[in-house]
Each structure stands twice: as C-alpha cells, then as structure tokens.
Amino acid sequence: MNKGAVSRRTVLKAGATLLLSVLAPVRAYAAQILAVRVWPAEDYTRVTLENDAALKATHFIVKDPERMVVDIEGLELNPTLKSLVAKIQSNDPYIKQVRVGQNRPNVVRLVFDLKEEIKPQVFTLAPAGNYKHRLIFDLYPVKAADPIAAMIEKGDWSGDGKTPPSSAAAAGSAPKGDMPPLKPGEAQAAAQAPQTPQAQLEALKPDTKADPRAELKNELKTAEAQTRAAEKVDKNGKLVRMLTVVLDPGHGGEDPGASGKNGSREKDIVLSIAKRLKARIEEFPNMRVMLTRDGDYFVPLGTRVEKARKVQADLFVSIHADAFVQPTARGSSVFVLSEKGASSTAARWLADKENLADTIGGVNVKTQDRQLASVLLDLSTTAQINDSLRLGKSVLGEIGGINRLHKGSVEQAGFAVLKAPDIPSILIETAFISNPEEEAKLLDDGYQNQLADAIVKGIRRYFAKNPPLAKNRLT
C-alpha cells in the first residue's frame, strides 16, 4: 500500500472521529452539593444547600396537608444531599420532615412536610467569605408574631414577673419615673390592671363592635391599654417608667463572625454574654429586655434595627468579639454611629467588616427594603448620636474596670446596625477573639459574668444621669 493511500485513510478516520464527537450527545455537568445546613428559629427556618455551581430551583405549595415542593435542576442525588433528612429537628417550628429523591434525570426533588402554612423565600447567593454558591430556602410564618405579644407570652417583661411590657405607643407616651403620685382612685385602678399574660393580651386587643367611629375609638383604646402596660405603680403610688433594652448578639446562623485560634466562634460567645446580660437587667423591676436573636440563626442588620424600633426600645446594645489580622491586638472598645466618617482607620475597617454580615449571612436582595435603609441613614440625628456617646462613655468606663481598653474613648464609624434614628445605640467589642489570651477570657464563665455586670452598671449609670422622657417616636 502506497503512502498516499495510507495518508488518505488516516485523514478520513480522523475526520470521522471528529464528526462523531460533534454529533454525540454531551452529558450535562451535574453540580455537586458540598454541604447542607438547617437553622430553625421562631422567626423563620432557613435551609441552605451549598454547592460548587449556581443552581436553578422552582418551588410550589401543596395544600392538605401543607407541603412545599422544590425541583432543583442540574443536580444528581448524592450522600450529602440525602443527609438533609436527618438534619431536620423535631422542635423545628415549621418543618415536620423532608423527603429527597431523584425526580428525573438531572432533577432532584425536595418535599418539605410542614407543620403550618408558611410564606417561603427561595433565592441564590454568590460565593462569599468561606462559602461557595448557596441555594437558600427561608420559611417564614404567614403571620409574623407581634414582638410585644411574644414578650408577654414568654413572660419577658420586668423582673417582678408581673409588669407587662409596652408597645410602640406605650413607650412613646409613658411618663417619667419621677411623676407625681396618682390620686387614690387612679392608683387603685392602675394597680388592678390585668396581670396574667392572657388578660394582658386581651387588654391590648381593639374593640371590634360596630361604631361609626370605630377605627378611631379602637386606636385610642389600644393606645390607652398599652400606656397602662408601660407603667408600674410602686409602693408610694408613683408611676415607674418601664425601660426597654434591646440586646443584639452579633452574627448567627450562616454568619459565624470571627473565629479564635482554638476554634471558638464569635456568634456563640456573644449570644452567651447577651443571655447573661439579659438575666441581670431583668433583675431590676422597671427594666425589660428583648434579644434580636435568642438562638443560632441569622438576622439581617436592618431587621435587627427594625426589631428594636417595633418595641420602641430605650437603648440598643450590639455585642461583638472581633478579630484582627495581628493576634497581638487586644482590649475592649465601644462604638457609636458617625455622621461624618470614622474616628480612626481601625474603626472604619471594623465597621466595613461588620457591615459585611448581610453578605456572609445571606440576605434576599429582592425583598430587602433599600428605601428603608436609606431613610434610617437620613434620619440619624445628632441628638441620637449624642445620647449614644453618653451611653457609650458610661459603659466603656465600667468595662475598663475588668479589661484593658483598646482605646480610652468611645469611637465612631458607619455601623449599619446602629442606624436607628430614635434609639441611643452602641456596639461593644468585648475583646479580640483573635488574641489567644483574650479568647480564653471570652470562653470563661467568670469573665462573661464580670462583663455582663459591667455593662449593666454602665447602662444604669447612663439612665441615672439621663432619665428617659416621654417622647414621640418616628414611625
């Protein structure tokens, strides 16, 4: 056989191989599920699927019984995804169980059996922090719990176990603690106000009887009942102004915050400190506390501010334990909002870092209220910042008695979580979790107790010098 024939045969064979490779069906690449996580909470339950590529999902609700069905394209069932079944806890408020299966080639179906009707949000997140692509399922209750009613139901009002909390209207109209004594008849009527949680809830309900001016009457009646709920008659017949403090344990859920050398996580430490602080504040009969989160779940920065405003907080205290690039950084700090820029390069760096919480924790940008965020920034007043500085100075002075201060004065920067326009707000960096010595302190029960005691003293000292006044809140 001559060389020309061999050459032609080789060319034809190569051409045929190339043609077959073009015509052959190409198997679609199946994304790989890398991790599954479930974050149950009363506010909402979040389910996260972390994967190596962006996923497309469709979902729909099925009634009787309540179910949410999710179809995920470009996916093959793997052991990691199957492990989701075992991650559903029996005490999850919204999910009874989940079923996982290969619905058809390249499509996996999840069926969430639900405990009640839910309002789902399904969205994807681009890689951020240590996470790759994420597919998020947030299951919210159809009717969100009223924060005031929730406080009453839990008994989270004053330390005496009797005084119910106020609502928005109550905190805005309650009198000062040094108000003159009531008349005998008025004092008796106030003392006979409903005390049981159920009775308190009934007192806050509007009158629904038909009336030409029913709406106005209902509003007035509700406001009156709520004002009563904000007041406590002391043994001398004086009305005591109830004070509401909102504690904000930073990070949570998908957002672990900073980490220590020994594996400790900021989100766990600050929640522990916040719970200790809550218990101490509630020992005072005229003070009550709400936590922006009471478990390991993510709360967006704007939602934390919104929660404080809904209960008409008198103070907002955000608790953190940050890290720095150098393990030698140490000391406690207190920050307030700045209108004009950060007070130092380190403060600006820290604020930028903390403001990334929504990116790490995962916010559904389609539902995020950008207009609200803008309004909160625009309404941040000089008066609020001045009050925050007074509060910060008082707390910083007490913390300085148990730990070295990173800086001897209150610092300022553009922290998103401090932007409630009508609530004095501070952010406490309890210590540097990145410093092994301070990490050990933060993990110590004794130090956490000392820290909680110091913060309470600072708050009480602030209120002693700046008694809260009746004021009309921005709504």
Protein backbone atom coordinates (compact mmCIF):
# COMPACT_ATOMS: atom_id res chain seq x y z
CA MET A 1 0.00 0.00 0.00
CA ASN A 2 1.44 3.33 -1.03
CA LYS A 3 1.98 6.24 1.30
CA GLY A 4 -0.73 8.32 -0.40
CA ALA A 5 -3.47 5.74 0.34
CA VAL A 6 -2.38 5.43 3.98
CA SER A 7 -2.36 9.18 4.33
CA ARG A 8 -5.88 9.49 2.85
CA ARG A 9 -7.20 6.69 5.13
CA THR A 10 -5.67 8.38 8.19
CA VAL A 11 -7.27 11.70 7.29
CA LEU A 12 -10.69 10.04 6.72
CA LYS A 13 -10.51 8.17 10.05
CA ALA A 14 -9.60 11.36 11.92
CA GLY A 15 -12.42 13.24 10.19
CA ALA A 16 -14.94 10.54 11.10
CA THR A 17 -13.82 10.57 14.73
CA LEU A 18 -14.18 14.36 14.87
CA LEU A 19 -17.65 14.19 13.28
CA LEU A 20 -18.83 11.55 15.77
CA SER A 21 -17.56 13.61 18.70
CA VAL A 22 -19.54 16.61 17.45
CA LEU A 23 -22.74 14.66 16.86
CA ALA A 24 -22.59 12.63 20.11
CA PRO A 25 -24.83 13.92 22.89
CA VAL A 26 -22.91 15.86 25.54
CA ARG A 27 -23.68 14.78 29.11
CA ALA A 28 -24.65 17.83 31.16
CA TYR A 29 -22.41 18.63 34.11
CA ALA A 30 -24.14 17.86 37.39
CA ALA A 31 -23.45 20.26 40.24
CA GLN A 32 -22.21 18.76 43.48
CA ILE A 33 -23.82 19.52 46.83
CA LEU A 34 -20.97 20.27 49.23
CA ALA A 35 -22.89 20.88 52.46
CA VAL A 36 -26.42 21.17 53.81
CA ARG A 37 -27.39 23.23 56.86
CA VAL A 38 -30.66 23.86 58.71
CA TRP A 39 -31.22 26.83 61.05
CA PRO A 40 -34.58 26.54 62.89
CA ALA A 41 -35.88 29.55 64.81
CA GLU A 42 -39.18 31.10 65.83
CA ASP A 43 -38.61 33.97 63.40
CA TYR A 44 -38.12 31.60 60.46
CA THR A 45 -36.34 28.40 59.46
CA ARG A 46 -33.53 28.56 56.94
CA VAL A 47 -32.32 25.60 54.86
CA THR A 48 -29.04 26.06 52.97
CA LEU A 49 -27.61 23.95 50.17
CA GLU A 50 -24.00 24.83 49.43
CA ASN A 51 -22.76 23.71 46.02
CA ASP A 52 -19.92 24.12 43.55
CA ALA A 53 -22.05 25.83 40.90
CA ALA A 54 -25.12 28.05 40.67
CA LEU A 55 -28.37 26.08 40.81
CA LYS A 56 -31.80 26.79 39.38
CA ALA A 57 -34.79 25.84 41.52
CA THR A 58 -38.56 26.09 41.18
CA HIS A 59 -41.00 25.61 44.04
CA PHE A 60 -44.71 25.40 44.72
CA ILE A 61 -47.01 24.86 47.71
CA VAL A 62 -49.37 21.90 48.08
CA LYS A 63 -52.32 22.06 50.49
CA ASP A 64 -53.99 19.47 52.76
CA PRO A 65 -51.55 18.69 54.22
CA GLU A 66 -49.22 21.65 53.88
CA ARG A 67 -46.13 20.87 51.78
CA MET A 68 -43.51 22.78 49.83
CA VAL A 69 -42.16 21.03 46.75
CA VAL A 70 -38.81 22.11 45.28
CA ASP A 71 -37.30 20.93 42.00
CA ILE A 72 -33.59 21.63 41.53
CA GLU A 73 -32.17 21.37 38.01
CA GLY A 74 -28.68 20.26 37.03
CA LEU A 75 -28.29 18.06 40.07
CA GLU A 76 -27.73 14.40 40.84
CA LEU A 77 -28.61 12.98 44.24
CA ASN A 78 -25.56 12.43 46.44
CA PRO A 79 -25.00 11.33 50.08
CA THR A 80 -24.52 14.92 51.27
CA LEU A 81 -27.93 15.96 49.97
CA LYS A 82 -29.51 12.81 51.41
CA SER A 83 -28.17 13.82 54.83
CA LEU A 84 -30.63 16.73 54.84
CA VAL A 85 -33.32 14.31 56.02
CA ALA A 86 -31.52 13.68 59.31
CA LYS A 87 -30.84 17.39 59.93
CA ILE A 88 -34.50 18.31 60.49
CA GLN A 89 -35.05 18.65 64.23
CA SER A 90 -38.24 17.59 65.96
CA ASN A 91 -38.59 21.04 67.54
CA ASP A 92 -38.37 22.89 64.22
CA PRO A 93 -41.31 25.35 64.29
CA TYR A 94 -42.15 24.95 60.61
CA ILE A 95 -40.71 21.74 59.10
CA LYS A 96 -42.07 18.33 60.11
CA GLN A 97 -39.77 16.34 57.83
CA VAL A 98 -38.18 16.49 54.38
CA ARG A 99 -38.08 13.88 51.62
CA VAL A 100 -35.34 13.85 48.98
CA GLY A 101 -35.32 11.96 45.67
CA GLN A 102 -34.19 11.92 42.05
CA ASN A 103 -37.36 13.10 40.35
CA ARG A 104 -35.99 12.63 36.83
CA PRO A 105 -32.54 12.69 35.21
CA ASN A 106 -30.65 15.79 36.30
CA VAL A 107 -33.51 16.99 38.53
CA VAL A 108 -33.70 16.42 42.30
CA ARG A 109 -36.97 16.97 44.15
CA LEU A 110 -37.26 18.03 47.81
CA VAL A 111 -40.61 17.78 49.58
CA PHE A 112 -40.90 19.68 52.86
CA ASP A 113 -43.76 18.40 55.03
CA LEU A 114 -44.82 21.45 57.02
CA LYS A 115 -46.28 21.99 60.49
CA GLU A 116 -48.21 25.10 59.42
CA GLU A 117 -48.80 27.38 56.47
CA ILE A 118 -45.63 29.22 55.50
CA LYS A 119 -44.50 32.05 53.26
CA PRO A 120 -41.32 30.83 51.52
CA GLN A 121 -38.45 32.81 50.05
CA VAL A 122 -36.17 30.88 47.69
CA PHE A 123 -33.05 32.58 46.38
CA THR A 124 -29.40 32.01 45.48
CA LEU A 125 -26.25 33.60 46.86
CA ALA A 126 -22.97 34.09 45.03
CA PRO A 127 -19.76 32.87 46.71
CA ALA A 128 -18.91 34.99 49.78
CA GLY A 129 -16.45 34.57 52.61
CA ASN A 130 -15.65 30.88 53.01
CA TYR A 131 -18.83 29.83 51.22
CA LYS A 132 -19.27 28.77 47.62
CA HIS A 133 -22.61 29.05 45.78
CA ARG A 134 -25.64 28.72 48.05
CA LEU A 135 -29.29 27.93 47.42
CA ILE A 136 -31.41 29.27 50.28
CA PHE A 137 -34.90 28.33 51.46
CA ASP A 138 -36.31 30.71 54.10
CA LEU A 139 -39.62 29.53 55.57
CA TYR A 140 -41.48 32.36 57.28
CA PRO A 141 -44.82 32.12 59.09
CA VAL A 142 -47.72 33.60 57.14
CA LYS A 143 -48.45 35.89 60.06
CA ALA A 144 -45.33 37.14 61.81
CA ALA A 145 -45.50 37.18 65.61
CA ASP A 146 -46.09 40.57 67.22
CA PRO A 147 -42.97 41.34 69.32
CA ILE A 148 -44.99 42.80 72.19
CA ALA A 149 -47.34 39.82 72.33
CA ALA A 150 -44.34 37.49 72.15
CA MET A 151 -42.72 39.23 75.13
CA ILE A 152 -45.93 38.86 77.13
CA GLU A 153 -46.36 35.20 76.21
CA LYS A 154 -42.77 34.43 77.23
CA GLY A 155 -43.03 36.45 80.41
CA ASP A 156 -40.13 38.63 79.27
CA TRP A 157 -41.22 41.81 80.96
CA SER A 158 -39.99 43.18 84.27
CA GLY A 159 -38.05 41.27 86.88
CA ASP A 160 -41.03 41.10 89.26
CA GLY A 161 -42.85 38.79 86.85
CA LYS A 162 -45.94 40.98 86.94
CA THR A 163 -45.40 44.14 84.95
CA PRO A 164 -46.23 43.63 81.26
CA PRO A 165 -44.21 45.29 78.51
CA SER A 166 -45.35 48.25 76.47
CA SER A 167 -45.90 48.50 72.78
CA ALA A 168 -44.82 51.24 70.40
CA ALA A 169 -47.46 53.64 71.61
CA ALA A 170 -46.77 52.88 75.26
CA ALA A 171 -43.06 53.62 75.23
CA GLY A 172 -43.68 56.85 73.39
CA SER A 173 -46.25 58.13 75.88
CA ALA A 174 -45.13 56.73 79.23
CA PRO A 175 -44.42 59.31 81.94
CA LYS A 176 -41.10 59.94 83.67
CA GLY A 177 -40.20 57.91 86.72
CA ASP A 178 -40.42 60.99 88.96
CA MET A 179 -44.02 61.72 88.00
CA PRO A 180 -46.17 62.99 90.94
CA PRO A 181 -48.17 60.34 92.86
CA LEU A 182 -51.53 59.33 91.41
CA LYS A 183 -54.78 60.15 93.11
CA PRO A 184 -56.08 57.28 95.27
CA GLY A 185 -58.73 56.21 92.77
CA GLU A 186 -56.31 56.33 89.83
CA ALA A 187 -53.65 54.39 91.70
CA GLN A 188 -56.16 51.69 92.60
CA ALA A 189 -57.35 51.42 89.00
CA ALA A 190 -53.80 51.14 87.70
CA ALA A 191 -52.91 48.56 90.34
CA GLN A 192 -55.90 46.47 89.26
CA ALA A 193 -54.69 46.34 85.63
CA PRO A 194 -54.72 42.81 84.13
CA GLN A 195 -51.70 40.79 85.23
CA THR A 196 -51.94 37.40 83.54
CA PRO A 197 -50.43 37.07 80.05
CA GLN A 198 -53.80 36.20 78.54
CA ALA A 199 -55.52 39.12 80.25
CA GLN A 200 -52.76 41.46 79.08
CA LEU A 201 -53.19 40.30 75.50
CA GLU A 202 -56.94 40.80 75.76
CA ALA A 203 -56.39 44.32 77.08
CA LEU A 204 -54.33 45.18 74.00
CA LYS A 205 -56.99 44.00 71.55
CA PRO A 206 -59.12 46.74 69.97
CA ASP A 207 -62.88 46.92 70.39
CA THR A 208 -64.46 45.43 67.29
CA LYS A 209 -68.08 46.43 67.98
CA ALA A 210 -69.78 48.30 65.19
CA ASP A 211 -69.49 52.05 65.55
CA PRO A 212 -69.42 54.94 63.05
CA ARG A 213 -66.08 56.00 64.50
CA ALA A 214 -64.93 52.50 65.42
CA GLU A 215 -61.47 52.80 63.91
CA LEU A 216 -60.60 55.95 65.84
CA LYS A 217 -62.06 54.57 69.07
CA ASN A 218 -60.15 51.34 68.67
CA GLU A 219 -56.87 53.19 68.19
CA LEU A 220 -57.49 55.30 71.29
CA LYS A 221 -58.48 52.28 73.37
CA THR A 222 -55.46 50.30 72.27
CA ALA A 223 -53.12 53.20 72.99
CA GLU A 224 -54.65 53.63 76.46
CA ALA A 225 -54.25 49.94 77.29
CA GLN A 226 -50.71 49.93 76.00
CA THR A 227 -49.82 53.01 78.04
CA ARG A 228 -51.14 51.26 81.17
CA ALA A 229 -48.93 48.30 80.29
CA ALA A 230 -45.87 50.55 80.28
CA GLU A 231 -46.46 51.77 83.81
CA LYS A 232 -45.92 50.18 87.18
CA VAL A 233 -47.26 51.62 90.42
CA ASP A 234 -44.65 51.48 93.17
CA LYS A 235 -45.35 51.23 96.92
CA ASN A 236 -45.57 55.02 97.17
CA GLY A 237 -48.21 55.28 94.46
CA LYS A 238 -45.80 56.67 91.88
CA LEU A 239 -45.78 55.55 88.29
CA VAL A 240 -42.47 53.98 87.28
CA ARG A 241 -41.36 54.40 83.66
CA MET A 242 -40.71 50.97 82.13
CA LEU A 243 -37.41 50.83 80.26
CA THR A 244 -36.87 48.57 77.26
CA VAL A 245 -33.33 47.49 76.35
CA VAL A 246 -32.69 45.59 73.13
CA LEU A 247 -29.60 43.37 73.16
CA ASP A 248 -28.18 42.39 69.81
CA PRO A 249 -25.84 39.37 69.78
CA GLY A 250 -23.90 39.84 66.56
CA HIS A 251 -23.79 37.40 63.64
CA GLY A 252 -25.50 33.97 63.93
CA GLY A 253 -26.55 31.11 61.67
CA GLU A 254 -24.77 31.23 58.33
CA ASP A 255 -22.61 34.06 59.65
CA PRO A 256 -20.24 32.72 62.36
CA GLY A 257 -18.45 36.03 62.81
CA ALA A 258 -14.80 35.92 63.79
CA SER A 259 -13.04 32.75 64.95
CA GLY A 260 -10.41 32.15 67.60
CA LYS A 261 -7.25 30.09 67.35
CA ASN A 262 -8.85 27.33 69.43
CA GLY A 263 -11.94 27.14 67.24
CA SER A 264 -14.29 29.36 69.25
CA ARG A 265 -16.86 31.31 67.24
CA GLU A 266 -17.91 34.89 67.83
CA LYS A 267 -21.60 34.12 67.29
CA ASP A 268 -21.63 31.61 70.18
CA ILE A 269 -19.69 33.76 72.64
CA VAL A 270 -21.74 36.92 72.14
CA LEU A 271 -25.04 35.03 72.45
CA SER A 272 -23.86 33.61 75.78
CA ILE A 273 -22.87 37.08 77.02
CA ALA A 274 -26.17 38.58 75.84
CA LYS A 275 -28.20 35.97 77.74
CA ARG A 276 -26.24 36.62 80.93
CA LEU A 277 -26.72 40.36 80.44
CA LYS A 278 -30.46 39.89 79.84
CA ALA A 279 -30.86 38.00 83.12
CA ARG A 280 -29.06 40.72 85.06
CA ILE A 281 -31.02 43.61 83.55
CA GLU A 282 -34.32 41.87 84.27
CA GLU A 283 -33.45 41.75 87.97
CA PHE A 284 -34.49 45.42 88.05
CA PRO A 285 -38.30 45.73 88.29
CA ASN A 286 -38.59 48.65 85.88
CA MET A 287 -36.48 47.12 83.08
CA ARG A 288 -37.15 44.53 80.42
CA VAL A 289 -35.07 43.09 77.60
CA MET A 290 -35.56 41.79 74.09
CA LEU A 291 -32.89 39.84 72.21
CA THR A 292 -32.67 40.33 68.45
CA ARG A 293 -31.83 36.61 68.31
CA ASP A 294 -32.06 34.05 71.12
CA GLY A 295 -30.54 31.15 69.18
CA ASP A 296 -28.13 30.27 66.40
CA TYR A 297 -29.77 31.82 63.35
CA PHE A 298 -29.06 34.75 61.06
CA VAL A 299 -30.79 38.12 61.43
CA PRO A 300 -30.12 40.78 58.76
CA LEU A 301 -28.69 44.07 60.02
CA GLY A 302 -31.74 46.08 59.00
CA THR A 303 -34.06 43.59 60.72
CA ARG A 304 -32.15 44.00 63.97
CA VAL A 305 -32.79 47.75 63.85
CA GLU A 306 -36.42 47.18 62.87
CA LYS A 307 -36.97 44.84 65.83
CA ALA A 308 -35.69 47.47 68.24
CA ARG A 309 -37.97 50.12 66.78
CA LYS A 310 -41.02 47.86 66.90
CA VAL A 311 -40.73 47.51 70.67
CA GLN A 312 -39.80 51.19 70.99
CA ALA A 313 -36.51 50.43 72.70
CA ASP A 314 -34.94 52.97 75.01
CA LEU A 315 -31.47 51.55 74.27
CA PHE A 316 -29.88 49.28 71.66
CA VAL A 317 -26.70 47.39 72.59
CA SER A 318 -24.94 45.27 69.96
CA ILE A 319 -22.41 42.77 71.33
CA HIS A 320 -19.38 41.51 69.38
CA ALA A 321 -15.95 39.89 69.85
CA ASP A 322 -13.92 40.74 66.81
CA ALA A 323 -10.68 39.58 65.24
CA PHE A 324 -7.74 41.45 63.76
CA VAL A 325 -5.03 40.41 61.32
CA GLN A 326 -2.44 40.51 64.10
CA PRO A 327 -3.03 38.19 67.11
CA THR A 328 -1.43 40.76 69.43
CA ALA A 329 -4.41 43.15 69.09
CA ARG A 330 -6.28 43.28 72.40
CA GLY A 331 -8.69 45.27 74.51
CA SER A 332 -12.36 46.20 74.69
CA SER A 333 -13.98 49.00 72.70
CA VAL A 334 -17.30 50.80 72.42
CA PHE A 335 -18.53 52.32 69.15
CA VAL A 336 -21.38 54.62 68.14
CA LEU A 337 -22.60 55.84 64.77
CA SER A 338 -20.79 58.62 62.95
CA GLU A 339 -22.38 61.18 60.66
CA LYS A 340 -19.11 62.43 59.22
CA GLY A 341 -16.89 59.37 58.90
CA ALA A 342 -14.91 57.06 61.15
CA SER A 343 -12.93 58.40 64.11
CA SER A 344 -9.96 56.22 63.13
CA THR A 345 -8.74 53.94 60.36
CA ALA A 346 -9.25 50.93 62.63
CA ALA A 347 -12.85 51.98 63.36
CA ARG A 348 -13.58 52.34 59.65
CA TRP A 349 -12.02 48.93 58.95
CA LEU A 350 -14.08 47.31 61.68
CA ALA A 351 -17.34 48.93 60.54
CA ASP A 352 -16.74 47.81 56.95
CA LYS A 353 -16.07 44.29 58.23
CA GLU A 354 -19.18 44.17 60.42
CA ASN A 355 -21.34 45.59 57.62
CA LEU A 356 -20.44 42.54 55.50
CA ALA A 357 -22.63 40.42 57.81
CA ASP A 358 -25.55 40.54 55.36
CA THR A 359 -23.31 39.29 52.56
CA ILE A 360 -21.96 36.39 54.63
CA GLY A 361 -25.21 35.59 56.42
CA GLY A 362 -27.22 35.83 53.23
CA VAL A 363 -29.93 38.42 52.55
CA ASN A 364 -32.55 38.05 49.85
CA VAL A 365 -31.86 41.26 47.93
CA LYS A 366 -35.24 41.06 46.18
CA THR A 367 -37.05 41.60 49.46
CA GLN A 368 -34.56 43.94 51.09
CA ASP A 369 -36.07 47.34 51.73
CA ARG A 370 -33.44 49.65 50.26
CA GLN A 371 -35.67 52.68 50.76
CA LEU A 372 -35.98 51.90 54.49
CA ALA A 373 -32.19 51.59 54.79
CA SER A 374 -31.80 54.98 53.13
CA VAL A 375 -34.41 56.59 55.39
CA LEU A 376 -32.76 55.22 58.52
CA LEU A 377 -29.47 56.76 57.44
CA ASP A 378 -31.05 60.12 56.60
CA LEU A 379 -32.98 60.27 59.87
CA SER A 380 -29.99 59.50 62.07
CA THR A 381 -29.95 62.64 64.18
CA THR A 382 -27.28 64.50 66.04
CA ALA A 383 -29.37 64.09 69.21
CA GLN A 384 -29.38 60.30 68.85
CA ILE A 385 -25.62 60.24 68.32
CA ASN A 386 -25.01 62.50 71.31
CA ASP A 387 -27.16 60.23 73.52
CA SER A 388 -25.27 57.22 72.15
CA LEU A 389 -21.96 58.86 73.03
CA ARG A 390 -23.14 59.40 76.62
CA LEU A 391 -24.25 55.79 76.87
CA GLY A 392 -21.03 54.57 75.28
CA LYS A 393 -18.87 56.58 77.67
CA SER A 394 -20.75 55.23 80.67
CA VAL A 395 -20.42 51.60 79.54
CA LEU A 396 -16.81 51.99 78.45
CA GLY A 397 -15.88 53.33 81.88
CA GLU A 398 -17.30 50.24 83.58
CA ILE A 399 -15.74 47.76 81.13
CA GLY A 400 -12.37 49.42 81.71
CA GLY A 401 -12.52 48.13 85.27
CA ILE A 402 -12.38 44.47 84.18
CA ASN A 403 -10.40 44.52 80.92
CA ARG A 404 -7.80 46.62 79.18
CA LEU A 405 -9.35 49.13 76.78
CA HIS A 406 -8.25 49.09 73.16
CA LYS A 407 -8.78 52.84 73.14
CA GLY A 408 -9.66 55.06 76.08
CA SER A 409 -12.55 56.85 74.38
CA VAL A 410 -15.72 55.95 72.50
CA GLU A 411 -15.07 55.57 68.79
CA GLN A 412 -17.34 56.33 65.85
CA ALA A 413 -17.92 54.73 62.44
CA GLY A 414 -20.70 53.93 60.00
CA PHE A 415 -22.03 50.71 61.54
CA ALA A 416 -25.28 49.77 59.76
CA VAL A 417 -26.71 48.17 62.89
CA LEU A 418 -26.50 51.46 64.83
CA LYS A 419 -28.71 53.45 62.46
CA ALA A 420 -31.97 53.55 64.42
CA PRO A 421 -32.74 57.28 64.21
CA ASP A 422 -34.56 57.46 67.54
CA ILE A 423 -32.75 54.98 69.82
CA PRO A 424 -29.39 55.55 71.55
CA SER A 425 -27.27 52.72 70.14
CA ILE A 426 -23.83 51.34 70.91
CA LEU A 427 -21.71 48.45 69.67
CA ILE A 428 -19.44 46.75 72.20
CA GLU A 429 -16.36 44.85 71.12
CA THR A 430 -15.94 42.78 74.28
CA ALA A 431 -12.40 41.60 73.41
CA PHE A 432 -10.34 40.30 70.49
CA ILE A 433 -11.19 36.65 69.85
CA SER A 434 -8.10 36.52 67.61
CA ASN A 435 -5.87 37.10 70.65
CA PRO A 436 -5.35 33.69 72.35
CA GLU A 437 -5.21 35.28 75.80
CA GLU A 438 -8.44 37.21 75.27
CA GLU A 439 -10.10 34.23 73.58
CA ALA A 440 -9.53 32.28 76.81
CA LYS A 441 -11.17 35.14 78.74
CA LEU A 442 -14.16 35.20 76.43
CA LEU A 443 -14.69 31.47 76.95
CA ASP A 444 -14.53 31.82 80.74
CA ASP A 445 -17.87 31.94 82.58
CA GLY A 446 -16.41 34.20 85.26
CA TYR A 447 -15.24 36.78 82.74
CA GLN A 448 -18.57 36.70 80.90
CA ASN A 449 -20.34 37.35 84.21
CA GLN A 450 -18.00 40.23 85.03
CA LEU A 451 -18.58 41.70 81.59
CA ALA A 452 -22.36 41.45 81.95
CA ASP A 453 -22.19 43.12 85.38
CA ALA A 454 -20.05 45.95 84.00
CA ILE A 455 -22.41 46.63 81.10
CA VAL A 456 -25.43 46.68 83.42
CA LYS A 457 -23.68 49.18 85.69
CA GLY A 458 -22.89 51.36 82.69
CA ILE A 459 -26.50 51.25 81.48
CA ARG A 460 -27.87 52.06 84.95
CA ARG A 461 -25.39 54.92 85.34
CA TYR A 462 -26.49 56.31 81.96
CA PHE A 463 -30.18 56.18 82.93
CA ALA A 464 -29.42 57.83 86.29
CA LYS A 465 -27.88 60.81 84.50
CA ASN A 466 -30.23 60.76 81.51
CA PRO A 467 -33.71 59.73 82.71
CA PRO A 468 -35.87 58.72 79.72
CA LEU A 469 -38.54 61.19 78.79
CA ALA A 470 -41.89 60.69 77.18
CA LYS A 471 -41.24 61.21 73.51
CA ASN A 472 -42.97 60.83 70.19
CA ARG A 473 -41.13 58.24 68.18
CA LEU A 474 -40.58 58.34 64.45
CA THR A 475 -42.71 55.68 62.75
